[in-house]
Amino acid sequence: MSDHPLITSDRVNGTPVFNPAGERIGHIETLSIDKVSGQVKYALMSFGGFLGIGEKFHPLPWNALEYNTEHDGYVVGLTREKLKAAPVFTRDELEAFGGGDRYDEELFAYYGVGPYW
């Protein structure tokens, strides 16, 4: 692990995601970046499936994640049950994923964080 604050997006992909109890609940598949502001809006967390079949993705607001050096991964302050009930997408649905003001409001409210803008 590097001790500087920046990381390239390709190194974020595959980074594990943990709950506060330290249980691994998934990994970052990719990032969703706002085209105009350049801000990372969501980390798309992958979980489940086998060899890409049946895999599901949670769009996690970037500011709902906290990097934990002990885990060398991100921690999201939610239980496994709350994550299971969160908005989820298949890979095909992700290709059509574009957010939108109403969806963004609901998603950020679900995770209990404010938007970055």
PDB file of N, CA and C in Angstrom:
ATOM      1  N   MET A   1       0.839  -1.187   0.000  1.00  0.00           N
ATOM      2  CA  MET A   1       0.000   0.000   0.000  1.00  0.00           C
ATOM      3  C   MET A   1       0.877   1.242   0.000  1.00  0.00           C
ATOM      4  N   SER A   2       0.458   2.235  -0.736  1.00  0.00           N
ATOM      5  CA  SER A   2       1.172   3.498  -0.806  1.00  0.00           C
ATOM      6  C   SER A   2       0.683   4.423   0.303  1.00  0.00           C
ATOM      7  N   ASP A   3       1.529   5.343   0.714  1.00  0.00           N
ATOM      8  CA  ASP A   3       1.109   6.253   1.782  1.00  0.00           C
ATOM      9  C   ASP A   3       0.697   7.617   1.255  1.00  0.00           C
ATOM     10  N   HIS A   4       0.493   7.774  -0.063  1.00  0.00           N
ATOM     11  CA  HIS A   4      -0.020   9.042  -0.567  1.00  0.00           C
ATOM     12  C   HIS A   4      -1.531   8.953  -0.745  1.00  0.00           C
ATOM     13  N   PRO A   5      -2.231  10.099  -0.790  1.00  0.00           N
ATOM     14  CA  PRO A   5      -3.698  10.087  -0.767  1.00  0.00           C
ATOM     15  C   PRO A   5      -4.384   9.784  -2.093  1.00  0.00           C
ATOM     16  N   LEU A   6      -3.644   9.711  -3.202  1.00  0.00           N
ATOM     17  CA  LEU A   6      -4.279   9.483  -4.496  1.00  0.00           C
ATOM     18  C   LEU A   6      -4.147   8.035  -4.936  1.00  0.00           C
ATOM     19  N   ILE A   7      -5.130   7.582  -5.722  1.00  0.00           N
ATOM     20  CA  ILE A   7      -5.100   6.235  -6.261  1.00  0.00           C
ATOM     21  C   ILE A   7      -5.694   6.281  -7.664  1.00  0.00           C
ATOM     22  N   THR A   8      -5.151   5.524  -8.574  1.00  0.00           N
ATOM     23  CA  THR A   8      -5.704   5.475  -9.918  1.00  0.00           C
ATOM     24  C   THR A   8      -6.918   4.555  -9.931  1.00  0.00           C
ATOM     25  N   SER A   9      -7.842   4.819 -10.850  1.00  0.00           N
ATOM     26  CA  SER A   9      -9.102   4.079 -10.868  1.00  0.00           C
ATOM     27  C   SER A   9      -8.896   2.586 -11.094  1.00  0.00           C
ATOM     28  N   ASP A  10      -7.887   2.205 -11.875  1.00  0.00           N
ATOM     29  CA  ASP A  10      -7.680   0.776 -12.105  1.00  0.00           C
ATOM     30  C   ASP A  10      -7.267   0.038 -10.842  1.00  0.00           C
ATOM     31  N   ARG A  11      -6.669   0.756  -9.894  1.00  0.00           N
ATOM     32  CA  ARG A  11      -6.301   0.125  -8.621  1.00  0.00           C
ATOM     33  C   ARG A  11      -7.474   0.073  -7.652  1.00  0.00           C
ATOM     34  N   VAL A  12      -8.506   0.893  -7.866  1.00  0.00           N
ATOM     35  CA  VAL A  12      -9.709   0.839  -7.034  1.00  0.00           C
ATOM     36  C   VAL A  12     -10.526  -0.398  -7.412  1.00  0.00           C
ATOM     37  N   ASN A  13     -10.595  -0.689  -8.711  1.00  0.00           N
ATOM     38  CA  ASN A  13     -11.341  -1.857  -9.176  1.00  0.00           C
ATOM     39  C   ASN A  13     -10.776  -3.113  -8.522  1.00  0.00           C
ATOM     40  N   GLY A  14     -11.649  -3.900  -7.934  1.00  0.00           N
ATOM     41  CA  GLY A  14     -11.236  -5.124  -7.258  1.00  0.00           C
ATOM     42  C   GLY A  14     -10.965  -4.947  -5.776  1.00  0.00           C
ATOM     43  N   THR A  15     -10.938  -3.704  -5.294  1.00  0.00           N
ATOM     44  CA  THR A  15     -10.679  -3.454  -3.874  1.00  0.00           C
ATOM     45  C   THR A  15     -11.844  -3.991  -3.039  1.00  0.00           C
ATOM     46  N   PRO A  16     -11.554  -4.724  -1.974  1.00  0.00           N
ATOM     47  CA  PRO A  16     -12.636  -5.290  -1.164  1.00  0.00           C
ATOM     48  C   PRO A  16     -13.427  -4.215  -0.416  1.00  0.00           C
ATOM     49  N   VAL A  17     -14.688  -4.556  -0.137  1.00  0.00           N
ATOM     50  CA  VAL A  17     -15.575  -3.707   0.659  1.00  0.00           C
ATOM     51  C   VAL A  17     -16.002  -4.529   1.865  1.00  0.00           C
ATOM     52  N   PHE A  18     -15.929  -3.897   3.038  1.00  0.00           N
ATOM     53  CA  PHE A  18     -16.249  -4.550   4.304  1.00  0.00           C
ATOM     54  C   PHE A  18     -17.379  -3.817   4.999  1.00  0.00           C
ATOM     55  N   ASN A  19     -18.088  -4.531   5.895  1.00  0.00           N
ATOM     56  CA  ASN A  19     -19.035  -3.857   6.780  1.00  0.00           C
ATOM     57  C   ASN A  19     -18.269  -3.454   8.036  1.00  0.00           C
ATOM     58  N   PRO A  20     -18.890  -2.708   8.947  1.00  0.00           N
ATOM     59  CA  PRO A  20     -18.167  -2.265  10.145  1.00  0.00           C
ATOM     60  C   PRO A  20     -17.631  -3.402  11.022  1.00  0.00           C
ATOM     61  N   ALA A  21     -18.215  -4.604  10.913  1.00  0.00           N
ATOM     62  CA  ALA A  21     -17.741  -5.748  11.696  1.00  0.00           C
ATOM     63  C   ALA A  21     -16.505  -6.391  11.079  1.00  0.00           C
ATOM     64  N   GLY A  22     -16.079  -5.876   9.924  1.00  0.00           N
ATOM     65  CA  GLY A  22     -14.892  -6.418   9.271  1.00  0.00           C
ATOM     66  C   GLY A  22     -15.159  -7.573   8.334  1.00  0.00           C
ATOM     67  N   GLU A  23     -16.445  -7.873   8.067  1.00  0.00           N
ATOM     68  CA  GLU A  23     -16.794  -8.943   7.136  1.00  0.00           C
ATOM     69  C   GLU A  23     -16.736  -8.410   5.708  1.00  0.00           C
ATOM     70  N   ARG A  24     -16.080  -9.153   4.832  1.00  0.00           N
ATOM     71  CA  ARG A  24     -16.031  -8.758   3.430  1.00  0.00           C
ATOM     72  C   ARG A  24     -17.400  -8.992   2.806  1.00  0.00           C
ATOM     73  N   ILE A  25     -17.958  -7.949   2.181  1.00  0.00           N
ATOM     74  CA  ILE A  25     -19.301  -8.057   1.611  1.00  0.00           C
ATOM     75  C   ILE A  25     -19.305  -7.916   0.092  1.00  0.00           C
ATOM     76  N   GLY A  26     -18.176  -7.630  -0.492  1.00  0.00           N
ATOM     77  CA  GLY A  26     -18.098  -7.494  -1.938  1.00  0.00           C
ATOM     78  C   GLY A  26     -16.794  -6.834  -2.330  1.00  0.00           C
ATOM     79  N   HIS A  27     -16.747  -6.351  -3.574  1.00  0.00           N
ATOM     80  CA  HIS A  27     -15.566  -5.614  -4.044  1.00  0.00           C
ATOM     81  C   HIS A  27     -16.017  -4.541  -5.034  1.00  0.00           C
ATOM     82  N   ILE A  28     -15.180  -3.536  -5.210  1.00  0.00           N
ATOM     83  CA  ILE A  28     -15.469  -2.475  -6.163  1.00  0.00           C
ATOM     84  C   ILE A  28     -15.230  -3.012  -7.561  1.00  0.00           C
ATOM     85  N   GLU A  29     -16.272  -3.012  -8.372  1.00  0.00           N
ATOM     86  CA  GLU A  29     -16.154  -3.461  -9.760  1.00  0.00           C
ATOM     87  C   GLU A  29     -15.650  -2.321 -10.643  1.00  0.00           C
ATOM     88  N   THR A  30     -16.247  -1.151 -10.461  1.00  0.00           N
ATOM     89  CA  THR A  30     -15.872   0.009 -11.254  1.00  0.00           C
ATOM     90  C   THR A  30     -16.416   1.267 -10.578  1.00  0.00           C
ATOM     91  N   LEU A  31     -16.082   2.405 -11.136  1.00  0.00           N
ATOM     92  CA  LEU A  31     -16.538   3.682 -10.596  1.00  0.00           C
ATOM     93  C   LEU A  31     -17.461   4.361 -11.593  1.00  0.00           C
ATOM     94  N   SER A  32     -18.394   5.133 -11.094  1.00  0.00           N
ATOM     95  CA  SER A  32     -19.270   5.958 -11.917  1.00  0.00           C
ATOM     96  C   SER A  32     -18.871   7.406 -11.657  1.00  0.00           C
ATOM     97  N   ILE A  33     -18.413   8.080 -12.708  1.00  0.00           N
ATOM     98  CA  ILE A  33     -17.859   9.429 -12.579  1.00  0.00           C
ATOM     99  C   ILE A  33     -18.765  10.422 -13.306  1.00  0.00           C
ATOM    100  N   ASP A  34     -19.071  11.527 -12.644  1.00  0.00           N
ATOM    101  CA  ASP A  34     -19.861  12.581 -13.260  1.00  0.00           C
ATOM    102  C   ASP A  34     -19.043  13.209 -14.389  1.00  0.00           C
ATOM    103  N   LYS A  35     -19.582  13.210 -15.604  1.00  0.00           N
ATOM    104  CA  LYS A  35     -18.848  13.704 -16.773  1.00  0.00           C
ATOM    105  C   LYS A  35     -18.474  15.178 -16.659  1.00  0.00           C
ATOM    106  N   VAL A  36     -19.363  15.983 -16.083  1.00  0.00           N
ATOM    107  CA  VAL A  36     -19.137  17.423 -16.041  1.00  0.00           C
ATOM    108  C   VAL A  36     -18.197  17.830 -14.903  1.00  0.00           C
ATOM    109  N   SER A  37     -18.466  17.341 -13.691  1.00  0.00           N
ATOM    110  CA  SER A  37     -17.664  17.772 -12.543  1.00  0.00           C
ATOM    111  C   SER A  37     -16.380  16.974 -12.384  1.00  0.00           C
ATOM    112  N   GLY A  38     -16.367  15.743 -12.917  1.00  0.00           N
ATOM    113  CA  GLY A  38     -15.210  14.883 -12.741  1.00  0.00           C
ATOM    114  C   GLY A  38     -15.183  14.177 -11.397  1.00  0.00           C
ATOM    115  N   GLN A  39     -16.210  14.365 -10.584  1.00  0.00           N
ATOM    116  CA  GLN A  39     -16.286  13.743  -9.265  1.00  0.00           C
ATOM    117  C   GLN A  39     -16.746  12.293  -9.377  1.00  0.00           C
ATOM    118  N   VAL A  40     -16.169  11.431  -8.556  1.00  0.00           N
ATOM    119  CA  VAL A  40     -16.672  10.061  -8.467  1.00  0.00           C
ATOM    120  C   VAL A  40     -18.017  10.139  -7.757  1.00  0.00           C
ATOM    121  N   LYS A  41     -19.037   9.622  -8.395  1.00  0.00           N
ATOM    122  CA  LYS A  41     -20.379   9.670  -7.818  1.00  0.00           C
ATOM    123  C   LYS A  41     -20.692   8.380  -7.082  1.00  0.00           C
ATOM    124  N   TYR A  42     -20.422   7.239  -7.740  1.00  0.00           N
ATOM    125  CA  TYR A  42     -20.698   5.945  -7.138  1.00  0.00           C
ATOM    126  C   TYR A  42     -19.526   5.001  -7.331  1.00  0.00           C
ATOM    127  N   ALA A  43     -19.364   4.119  -6.362  1.00  0.00           N
ATOM    128  CA  ALA A  43     -18.533   2.936  -6.533  1.00  0.00           C
ATOM    129  C   ALA A  43     -19.524   1.807  -6.737  1.00  0.00           C
ATOM    130  N   LEU A  44     -19.383   1.088  -7.818  1.00  0.00           N
ATOM    131  CA  LEU A  44     -20.306  -0.010  -8.100  1.00  0.00           C
ATOM    132  C   LEU A  44     -19.739  -1.273  -7.485  1.00  0.00           C
ATOM    133  N   MET A  45     -20.359  -1.705  -6.386  1.00  0.00           N
ATOM    134  CA  MET A  45     -19.875  -2.858  -5.642  1.00  0.00           C
ATOM    135  C   MET A  45     -20.492  -4.135  -6.190  1.00  0.00           C
ATOM    136  N   SER A  46     -19.648  -5.098  -6.483  1.00  0.00           N
ATOM    137  CA  SER A  46     -20.076  -6.394  -6.994  1.00  0.00           C
ATOM    138  C   SER A  46     -20.164  -7.384  -5.841  1.00  0.00           C
ATOM    139  N   PHE A  47     -21.167  -8.258  -5.927  1.00  0.00           N
ATOM    140  CA  PHE A  47     -21.279  -9.338  -4.954  1.00  0.00           C
ATOM    141  C   PHE A  47     -22.061 -10.478  -5.565  1.00  0.00           C
ATOM    142  N   GLY A  48     -21.819 -11.653  -5.068  1.00  0.00           N
ATOM    143  CA  GLY A  48     -22.557 -12.828  -5.524  1.00  0.00           C
ATOM    144  C   GLY A  48     -22.105 -13.290  -6.891  1.00  0.00           C
ATOM    145  N   GLY A  49     -22.787 -14.285  -7.380  1.00  0.00           N
ATOM    146  CA  GLY A  49     -22.496 -14.828  -8.700  1.00  0.00           C
ATOM    147  C   GLY A  49     -21.261 -15.708  -8.702  1.00  0.00           C
ATOM    148  N   PHE A  50     -21.053 -16.342  -9.834  1.00  0.00           N
ATOM    149  CA  PHE A  50     -19.897 -17.210 -10.028  1.00  0.00           C
ATOM    150  C   PHE A  50     -19.437 -17.042 -11.465  1.00  0.00           C
ATOM    151  N   LEU A  51     -18.178 -16.654 -11.630  1.00  0.00           N
ATOM    152  CA  LEU A  51     -17.601 -16.417 -12.954  1.00  0.00           C
ATOM    153  C   LEU A  51     -18.436 -15.427 -13.764  1.00  0.00           C
ATOM    154  N   GLY A  52     -18.958 -14.408 -13.064  1.00  0.00           N
ATOM    155  CA  GLY A  52     -19.725 -13.367 -13.735  1.00  0.00           C
ATOM    156  C   GLY A  52     -21.185 -13.697 -13.977  1.00  0.00           C
ATOM    157  N   ILE A  53     -21.619 -14.913 -13.633  1.00  0.00           N
ATOM    158  CA  ILE A  53     -23.011 -15.311 -13.839  1.00  0.00           C
ATOM    159  C   ILE A  53     -23.773 -15.085 -12.540  1.00  0.00           C
ATOM    160  N   GLY A  54     -24.878 -14.346 -12.634  1.00  0.00           N
ATOM    161  CA  GLY A  54     -25.695 -14.064 -11.461  1.00  0.00           C
ATOM    162  C   GLY A  54     -25.142 -12.970 -10.570  1.00  0.00           C
ATOM    163  N   GLU A  55     -24.097 -12.305 -11.026  1.00  0.00           N
ATOM    164  CA  GLU A  55     -23.477 -11.240 -10.252  1.00  0.00           C
ATOM    165  C   GLU A  55     -24.416 -10.040 -10.187  1.00  0.00           C
ATOM    166  N   LYS A  56     -24.471  -9.390  -9.039  1.00  0.00           N
ATOM    167  CA  LYS A  56     -25.287  -8.195  -8.831  1.00  0.00           C
ATOM    168  C   LYS A  56     -24.369  -7.049  -8.419  1.00  0.00           C
ATOM    169  N   PHE A  57     -24.867  -5.828  -8.637  1.00  0.00           N
ATOM    170  CA  PHE A  57     -24.069  -4.639  -8.341  1.00  0.00           C
ATOM    171  C   PHE A  57     -24.883  -3.627  -7.548  1.00  0.00           C
ATOM    172  N   HIS A  58     -24.276  -3.097  -6.496  1.00  0.00           N
ATOM    173  CA  HIS A  58     -24.853  -2.003  -5.714  1.00  0.00           C
ATOM    174  C   HIS A  58     -24.118  -0.721  -6.067  1.00  0.00           C
ATOM    175  N   PRO A  59     -24.831   0.332  -6.482  1.00  0.00           N
ATOM    176  CA  PRO A  59     -24.167   1.631  -6.610  1.00  0.00           C
ATOM    177  C   PRO A  59     -24.080   2.262  -5.223  1.00  0.00           C
ATOM    178  N   LEU A  60     -22.874   2.340  -4.684  1.00  0.00           N
ATOM    179  CA  LEU A  60     -22.657   2.940  -3.363  1.00  0.00           C
ATOM    180  C   LEU A  60     -22.192   4.372  -3.545  1.00  0.00           C
ATOM    181  N   PRO A  61     -22.857   5.342  -2.922  1.00  0.00           N
ATOM    182  CA  PRO A  61     -22.342   6.710  -3.012  1.00  0.00           C
ATOM    183  C   PRO A  61     -20.884   6.731  -2.542  1.00  0.00           C
ATOM    184  N   TRP A  62     -20.038   7.358  -3.327  1.00  0.00           N
ATOM    185  CA  TRP A  62     -18.609   7.376  -3.020  1.00  0.00           C
ATOM    186  C   TRP A  62     -18.355   7.877  -1.603  1.00  0.00           C
ATOM    187  N   ASN A  63     -19.121   8.897  -1.188  1.00  0.00           N
ATOM    188  CA  ASN A  63     -18.890   9.463   0.139  1.00  0.00           C
ATOM    189  C   ASN A  63     -19.497   8.615   1.260  1.00  0.00           C
ATOM    190  N   ALA A  64     -20.091   7.453   0.935  1.00  0.00           N
ATOM    191  CA  ALA A  64     -20.545   6.509   1.967  1.00  0.00           C
ATOM    192  C   ALA A  64     -19.437   5.519   2.315  1.00  0.00           C
ATOM    193  N   LEU A  65     -18.340   5.541   1.547  1.00  0.00           N
ATOM    194  CA  LEU A  65     -17.227   4.622   1.759  1.00  0.00           C
ATOM    195  C   LEU A  65     -16.086   5.317   2.480  1.00  0.00           C
ATOM    196  N   GLU A  66     -15.446   4.582   3.349  1.00  0.00           N
ATOM    197  CA  GLU A  66     -14.264   5.096   4.049  1.00  0.00           C
ATOM    198  C   GLU A  66     -13.142   4.086   3.866  1.00  0.00           C
ATOM    199  N   TYR A  67     -11.983   4.575   3.428  1.00  0.00           N
ATOM    200  CA  TYR A  67     -10.860   3.662   3.224  1.00  0.00           C
ATOM    201  C   TYR A  67     -10.276   3.274   4.574  1.00  0.00           C
ATOM    202  N   ASN A  68     -10.041   1.971   4.773  1.00  0.00           N
ATOM    203  CA  ASN A  68      -9.512   1.450   6.024  1.00  0.00           C
ATOM    204  C   ASN A  68      -8.167   0.796   5.727  1.00  0.00           C
ATOM    205  N   THR A  69      -7.098   1.361   6.282  1.00  0.00           N
ATOM    206  CA  THR A  69      -5.757   0.852   5.994  1.00  0.00           C
ATOM    207  C   THR A  69      -5.530  -0.538   6.587  1.00  0.00           C
ATOM    208  N   GLU A  70      -6.187  -0.873   7.697  1.00  0.00           N
ATOM    209  CA  GLU A  70      -6.016  -2.199   8.287  1.00  0.00           C
ATOM    210  C   GLU A  70      -6.570  -3.296   7.383  1.00  0.00           C
ATOM    211  N   HIS A  71      -7.688  -2.998   6.715  1.00  0.00           N
ATOM    212  CA  HIS A  71      -8.308  -3.964   5.807  1.00  0.00           C
ATOM    213  C   HIS A  71      -7.764  -3.832   4.387  1.00  0.00           C
ATOM    214  N   ASP A  72      -7.068  -2.728   4.111  1.00  0.00           N
ATOM    215  CA  ASP A  72      -6.634  -2.407   2.752  1.00  0.00           C
ATOM    216  C   ASP A  72      -7.835  -2.482   1.815  1.00  0.00           C
ATOM    217  N   GLY A  73      -8.930  -1.869   2.281  1.00  0.00           N
ATOM    218  CA  GLY A  73     -10.175  -1.863   1.528  1.00  0.00           C
ATOM    219  C   GLY A  73     -11.106  -0.793   2.067  1.00  0.00           C
ATOM    220  N   TYR A  74     -12.289  -0.741   1.510  1.00  0.00           N
ATOM    221  CA  TYR A  74     -13.269   0.265   1.907  1.00  0.00           C
ATOM    222  C   TYR A  74     -14.264  -0.330   2.889  1.00  0.00           C
ATOM    223  N   VAL A  75     -14.751   0.513   3.796  1.00  0.00           N
ATOM    224  CA  VAL A  75     -15.776   0.127   4.763  1.00  0.00           C
ATOM    225  C   VAL A  75     -17.004   0.985   4.491  1.00  0.00           C
ATOM    226  N   VAL A  76     -18.143   0.330   4.426  1.00  0.00           N
ATOM    227  CA  VAL A  76     -19.413   1.029   4.303  1.00  0.00           C
ATOM    228  C   VAL A  76     -20.184   0.736   5.590  1.00  0.00           C
ATOM    229  N   GLY A  77     -20.718   1.769   6.206  1.00  0.00           N
ATOM    230  CA  GLY A  77     -21.349   1.648   7.515  1.00  0.00           C
ATOM    231  C   GLY A  77     -22.740   1.060   7.489  1.00  0.00           C
ATOM    232  N   LEU A  78     -22.895  -0.096   6.861  1.00  0.00           N
ATOM    233  CA  LEU A  78     -24.199  -0.728   6.766  1.00  0.00           C
ATOM    234  C   LEU A  78     -24.104  -2.209   7.093  1.00  0.00           C
ATOM    235  N   THR A  79     -25.200  -2.736   7.595  1.00  0.00           N
ATOM    236  CA  THR A  79     -25.252  -4.171   7.857  1.00  0.00           C
ATOM    237  C   THR A  79     -25.446  -4.919   6.541  1.00  0.00           C
ATOM    238  N   ARG A  80     -25.182  -6.195   6.557  1.00  0.00           N
ATOM    239  CA  ARG A  80     -25.387  -7.039   5.384  1.00  0.00           C
ATOM    240  C   ARG A  80     -26.872  -7.018   4.976  1.00  0.00           C
ATOM    241  N   GLU A  81     -27.780  -6.986   5.968  1.00  0.00           N
ATOM    242  CA  GLU A  81     -29.219  -6.968   5.685  1.00  0.00           C
ATOM    243  C   GLU A  81     -29.629  -5.687   4.971  1.00  0.00           C
ATOM    244  N   LYS A  82     -29.081  -4.558   5.424  1.00  0.00           N
ATOM    245  CA  LYS A  82     -29.413  -3.272   4.781  1.00  0.00           C
ATOM    246  C   LYS A  82     -28.871  -3.251   3.354  1.00  0.00           C
ATOM    247  N   LEU A  83     -27.688  -3.806   3.152  1.00  0.00           N
ATOM    248  CA  LEU A  83     -27.138  -3.866   1.795  1.00  0.00           C
ATOM    249  C   LEU A  83     -27.963  -4.772   0.894  1.00  0.00           C
ATOM    250  N   LYS A  84     -28.459  -5.897   1.434  1.00  0.00           N
ATOM    251  CA  LYS A  84     -29.276  -6.810   0.632  1.00  0.00           C
ATOM    252  C   LYS A  84     -30.563  -6.136   0.165  1.00  0.00           C
ATOM    253  N   ALA A  85     -31.073  -5.195   0.968  1.00  0.00           N
ATOM    254  CA  ALA A  85     -32.306  -4.500   0.619  1.00  0.00           C
ATOM    255  C   ALA A  85     -32.056  -3.253  -0.239  1.00  0.00           C
ATOM    256  N   ALA A  86     -30.800  -2.906  -0.471  1.00  0.00           N
ATOM    257  CA  ALA A  86     -30.444  -1.699  -1.221  1.00  0.00           C
ATOM    258  C   ALA A  86     -30.695  -1.875  -2.711  1.00  0.00           C
ATOM    259  N   PRO A  87     -30.781  -0.765  -3.442  1.00  0.00           N
ATOM    260  CA  PRO A  87     -30.933  -0.861  -4.899  1.00  0.00           C
ATOM    261  C   PRO A  87     -29.811  -1.704  -5.502  1.00  0.00           C
ATOM    262  N   VAL A  88     -30.182  -2.579  -6.441  1.00  0.00           N
ATOM    263  CA  VAL A  88     -29.241  -3.528  -7.020  1.00  0.00           C
ATOM    264  C   VAL A  88     -29.500  -3.641  -8.520  1.00  0.00           C
ATOM    265  N   PHE A  89     -28.436  -3.912  -9.282  1.00  0.00           N
ATOM    266  CA  PHE A  89     -28.531  -4.000 -10.733  1.00  0.00           C
ATOM    267  C   PHE A  89     -27.799  -5.233 -11.240  1.00  0.00           C
ATOM    268  N   THR A  90     -28.234  -5.752 -12.383  1.00  0.00           N
ATOM    269  CA  THR A  90     -27.470  -6.766 -13.102  1.00  0.00           C
ATOM    270  C   THR A  90     -26.464  -6.034 -13.991  1.00  0.00           C
ATOM    271  N   ARG A  91     -25.552  -6.764 -14.616  1.00  0.00           N
ATOM    272  CA  ARG A  91     -24.574  -6.136 -15.513  1.00  0.00           C
ATOM    273  C   ARG A  91     -25.281  -5.419 -16.669  1.00  0.00           C
ATOM    274  N   ASP A  92     -26.318  -6.031 -17.237  1.00  0.00           N
ATOM    275  CA  ASP A  92     -27.058  -5.403 -18.333  1.00  0.00           C
ATOM    276  C   ASP A  92     -27.740  -4.113 -17.877  1.00  0.00           C
ATOM    277  N   GLU A  93     -28.313  -4.143 -16.694  1.00  0.00           N
ATOM    278  CA  GLU A  93     -28.973  -2.938 -16.174  1.00  0.00           C
ATOM    279  C   GLU A  93     -27.962  -1.824 -15.922  1.00  0.00           C
ATOM    280  N   LEU A  94     -26.753  -2.189 -15.536  1.00  0.00           N
ATOM    281  CA  LEU A  94     -25.719  -1.183 -15.294  1.00  0.00           C
ATOM    282  C   LEU A  94     -25.397  -0.388 -16.551  1.00  0.00           C
ATOM    283  N   GLU A  95     -25.439  -1.038 -17.702  1.00  0.00           N
ATOM    284  CA  GLU A  95     -25.143  -0.344 -18.947  1.00  0.00           C
ATOM    285  C   GLU A  95     -26.138   0.773 -19.204  1.00  0.00           C
ATOM    286  N   ALA A  96     -27.357   0.636 -18.706  1.00  0.00           N
ATOM    287  CA  ALA A  96     -28.376   1.666 -18.866  1.00  0.00           C
ATOM    288  C   ALA A  96     -28.396   2.631 -17.676  1.00  0.00           C
ATOM    289  N   PHE A  97     -27.582   2.346 -16.648  1.00  0.00           N
ATOM    290  CA  PHE A  97     -27.586   3.147 -15.427  1.00  0.00           C
ATOM    291  C   PHE A  97     -27.053   4.546 -15.703  1.00  0.00           C
ATOM    292  N   GLY A  98     -27.884   5.541 -15.417  1.00  0.00           N
ATOM    293  CA  GLY A  98     -27.444   6.909 -15.623  1.00  0.00           C
ATOM    294  C   GLY A  98     -27.788   7.793 -14.451  1.00  0.00           C
ATOM    295  N   GLY A  99     -28.391   7.210 -13.426  1.00  0.00           N
ATOM    296  CA  GLY A  99     -28.746   8.024 -12.275  1.00  0.00           C
ATOM    297  C   GLY A  99     -29.907   8.935 -12.603  1.00  0.00           C
ATOM    298  N   GLY A 100     -29.783  10.158 -12.244  1.00  0.00           N
ATOM    299  CA  GLY A 100     -30.856  11.128 -12.416  1.00  0.00           C
ATOM    300  C   GLY A 100     -31.198  11.705 -11.070  1.00  0.00           C
ATOM    301  N   ASP A 101     -31.683  12.930 -11.061  1.00  0.00           N
ATOM    302  CA  ASP A 101     -31.895  13.645  -9.808  1.00  0.00           C
ATOM    303  C   ASP A 101     -32.754  12.876  -8.811  1.00  0.00           C
ATOM    304  N   ARG A 102     -33.911  12.352  -9.253  1.00  0.00           N
ATOM    305  CA  ARG A 102     -34.797  11.652  -8.314  1.00  0.00           C
ATOM    306  C   ARG A 102     -34.133  10.383  -7.790  1.00  0.00           C
ATOM    307  N   TYR A 103     -33.531   9.614  -8.695  1.00  0.00           N
ATOM    308  CA  TYR A 103     -32.869   8.390  -8.278  1.00  0.00           C
ATOM    309  C   TYR A 103     -31.725   8.695  -7.331  1.00  0.00           C
ATOM    310  N   ASP A 104     -30.934   9.714  -7.665  1.00  0.00           N
ATOM    311  CA  ASP A 104     -29.808  10.094  -6.809  1.00  0.00           C
ATOM    312  C   ASP A 104     -30.283  10.436  -5.404  1.00  0.00           C
ATOM    313  N   GLU A 105     -31.351  11.221  -5.306  1.00  0.00           N
ATOM    314  CA  GLU A 105     -31.870  11.612  -3.994  1.00  0.00           C
ATOM    315  C   GLU A 105     -32.255  10.383  -3.179  1.00  0.00           C
ATOM    316  N   GLU A 106     -32.962   9.445  -3.804  1.00  0.00           N
ATOM    317  CA  GLU A 106     -33.384   8.237  -3.102  1.00  0.00           C
ATOM    318  C   GLU A 106     -32.187   7.390  -2.684  1.00  0.00           C
ATOM    319  N   LEU A 107     -31.210   7.256  -3.563  1.00  0.00           N
ATOM    320  CA  LEU A 107     -30.041   6.433  -3.264  1.00  0.00           C
ATOM    321  C   LEU A 107     -29.210   7.040  -2.136  1.00  0.00           C
ATOM    322  N   PHE A 108     -28.943   8.326  -2.211  1.00  0.00           N
ATOM    323  CA  PHE A 108     -28.159   8.974  -1.158  1.00  0.00           C
ATOM    324  C   PHE A 108     -28.907   8.937   0.169  1.00  0.00           C
ATOM    325  N   ALA A 109     -30.231   9.110   0.140  1.00  0.00           N
ATOM    326  CA  ALA A 109     -31.027   9.034   1.373  1.00  0.00           C
ATOM    327  C   ALA A 109     -30.975   7.627   1.951  1.00  0.00           C
ATOM    328  N   TYR A 110     -31.035   6.599   1.101  1.00  0.00           N
ATOM    329  CA  TYR A 110     -30.990   5.222   1.575  1.00  0.00           C
ATOM    330  C   TYR A 110     -29.708   4.956   2.357  1.00  0.00           C
ATOM    331  N   TYR A 111     -28.599   5.453   1.855  1.00  0.00           N
ATOM    332  CA  TYR A 111     -27.311   5.239   2.511  1.00  0.00           C
ATOM    333  C   TYR A 111     -27.012   6.271   3.603  1.00  0.00           C
ATOM    334  N   GLY A 112     -27.890   7.265   3.762  1.00  0.00           N
ATOM    335  CA  GLY A 112     -27.744   8.228   4.844  1.00  0.00           C
ATOM    336  C   GLY A 112     -26.590   9.197   4.659  1.00  0.00           C
ATOM    337  N   VAL A 113     -26.266   9.498   3.412  1.00  0.00           N
ATOM    338  CA  VAL A 113     -25.211  10.472   3.138  1.00  0.00           C
ATOM    339  C   VAL A 113     -25.761  11.536   2.213  1.00  0.00           C
ATOM    340  N   GLY A 114     -25.166  12.712   2.263  1.00  0.00           N
ATOM    341  CA  GLY A 114     -25.541  13.763   1.343  1.00  0.00           C
ATOM    342  C   GLY A 114     -24.763  13.642   0.059  1.00  0.00           C
ATOM    343  N   PRO A 115     -25.298  14.165  -1.024  1.00  0.00           N
ATOM    344  CA  PRO A 115     -24.546  14.149  -2.261  1.00  0.00           C
ATOM    345  C   PRO A 115     -23.318  15.051  -2.156  1.00  0.00           C
ATOM    346  N   TYR A 116     -22.341  14.801  -3.010  1.00  0.00           N
ATOM    347  CA  TYR A 116     -21.101  15.575  -2.960  1.00  0.00           C
ATOM    348  C   TYR A 116     -21.277  16.977  -3.531  1.00  0.00           C
ATOM    349  N   TRP A 117     -22.337  17.211  -4.316  1.00  0.00           N
ATOM    350  CA  TRP A 117     -22.508  18.512  -4.956  1.00  0.00           C
ATOM    351  C   TRP A 117     -23.288  19.466  -4.118  1.00  0.00           C
TER     352      TRP A 117
END
